[in-house]
Amino acid sequence: MTLHTLLQQDRRLVMLRVLNEMPGYEANDSIIDSALDAYGHNVSRDLVRTELSWLAEQQLVTLRDVAGTQVARITQRGIDIALGQAKHPDIKRPRPGE
């Protein structure tokens, strides 16, 4: 497994966990970008939007546009993956107790 793949899988898990912890289970791309930065993922807003689109394709989040900003809302399947109750081969699985 490459470093790129490891970082991508961790980034996706962080995004789901952030959404799971938000009131209303949703956040805009700016908040998600800031949260990723806090967790050591210094990435572009474009990459955040690309990952959100991928998560939406996997039906782990839903997306809506609000004045040019993407707002993501986690789905039940996304919550299950964020909590480690379900698996996805392209998303890091949280360790026990995380």
Protein backbone atom coordinates (compact mmCIF):
# COMPACT_ATOMS: atom_id res chain seq x y z
CA MET A 1 0.00 0.00 0.00
CA THR A 2 1.40 3.40 -0.97
CA LEU A 3 1.68 6.46 1.26
CA HIS A 4 -0.80 8.22 -1.04
CA THR A 5 -3.37 5.47 -0.44
CA LEU A 6 -2.82 5.50 3.33
CA LEU A 7 -3.32 9.27 3.47
CA GLN A 8 -6.40 9.10 1.25
CA GLN A 9 -8.03 6.41 3.38
CA ASP A 10 -7.30 8.31 6.59
CA ARG A 11 -8.55 11.59 5.09
CA ARG A 12 -11.86 9.98 4.16
CA LEU A 13 -12.28 8.55 7.67
CA VAL A 14 -11.55 11.95 9.22
CA MET A 15 -14.15 13.58 6.98
CA LEU A 16 -16.81 11.07 8.02
CA ARG A 17 -15.92 11.38 11.69
CA VAL A 18 -16.09 15.17 11.54
CA LEU A 19 -19.55 15.02 9.97
CA ASN A 20 -20.68 12.46 12.54
CA GLU A 21 -19.67 14.83 15.36
CA MET A 22 -21.35 17.93 13.90
CA PRO A 23 -24.74 19.17 15.12
CA GLY A 24 -27.20 18.11 12.44
CA TYR A 25 -24.58 15.73 11.00
CA GLU A 26 -23.56 18.23 8.33
CA ALA A 27 -20.86 20.78 7.55
CA ASN A 28 -19.70 22.87 4.63
CA ASP A 29 -16.49 22.27 2.71
CA SER A 30 -14.72 25.12 4.52
CA ILE A 31 -15.34 23.59 7.96
CA ILE A 32 -14.30 20.15 6.71
CA ASP A 33 -11.12 21.65 5.21
CA SER A 34 -10.26 23.30 8.55
CA ALA A 35 -10.93 20.06 10.43
CA LEU A 36 -8.70 18.10 8.05
CA ASP A 37 -5.95 20.66 8.63
CA ALA A 38 -6.33 20.22 12.40
CA TYR A 39 -5.87 16.46 11.94
CA GLY A 40 -2.69 16.92 9.89
CA HIS A 41 -4.16 16.79 6.39
CA ASN A 42 -3.10 20.04 4.74
CA VAL A 43 -4.95 19.71 1.42
CA SER A 44 -6.54 22.06 -1.10
CA ARG A 45 -10.23 22.95 -1.07
CA ASP A 46 -10.44 21.35 -4.51
CA LEU A 47 -9.28 18.03 -3.05
CA VAL A 48 -11.81 18.35 -0.22
CA ARG A 49 -14.57 18.78 -2.82
CA THR A 50 -13.23 15.84 -4.84
CA GLU A 51 -13.30 13.61 -1.76
CA LEU A 52 -16.81 14.81 -0.87
CA SER A 53 -17.98 13.90 -4.36
CA TRP A 54 -16.41 10.46 -4.00
CA LEU A 55 -18.08 9.95 -0.61
CA ALA A 56 -21.39 10.97 -2.19
CA GLU A 57 -20.89 8.45 -5.02
CA GLN A 58 -20.41 5.79 -2.35
CA GLN A 59 -23.66 6.98 -0.69
CA LEU A 60 -21.82 7.83 2.52
CA VAL A 61 -22.80 11.51 2.37
CA THR A 62 -25.31 13.64 0.53
CA LEU A 63 -24.28 16.96 -0.99
CA ARG A 64 -26.10 20.19 -1.65
CA ASP A 65 -24.87 23.49 -3.00
CA VAL A 66 -25.48 26.64 -0.95
CA ALA A 67 -24.28 29.78 -2.72
CA GLY A 68 -21.33 27.97 -4.29
CA THR A 69 -20.36 26.13 -1.11
CA GLN A 70 -20.80 22.38 -0.80
CA VAL A 71 -22.66 21.22 2.29
CA ALA A 72 -22.24 17.55 3.16
CA ARG A 73 -24.55 15.51 5.36
CA ILE A 74 -23.49 12.05 6.53
CA THR A 75 -25.77 9.09 5.79
CA GLN A 76 -26.45 6.19 8.15
CA ARG A 77 -23.97 4.06 6.19
CA GLY A 78 -21.40 6.84 6.59
CA ILE A 79 -22.04 6.90 10.34
CA ASP A 80 -21.58 3.13 10.52
CA ILE A 81 -18.20 3.42 8.77
CA ALA A 82 -17.12 6.38 10.94
CA LEU A 83 -17.85 4.31 14.05
CA GLY A 84 -16.15 1.17 12.72
CA GLN A 85 -19.43 -0.78 12.60
CA ALA A 86 -19.13 -1.23 8.82
CA LYS A 87 -16.16 -1.40 6.45
CA HIS A 88 -15.27 0.10 3.10
CA PRO A 89 -12.09 -1.04 1.32
CA ASP A 90 -11.08 2.54 0.44
CA ILE A 91 -11.60 4.08 3.89
CA LYS A 92 -9.43 3.50 6.94
CA ARG A 93 -11.13 1.59 9.71
CA PRO A 94 -10.90 3.28 13.11
CA ARG A 95 -8.96 1.50 15.82
CA PRO A 96 -10.87 0.25 18.85
CA GLY A 97 -11.55 3.10 21.26
CA GLU A 98 -10.96 5.86 18.70
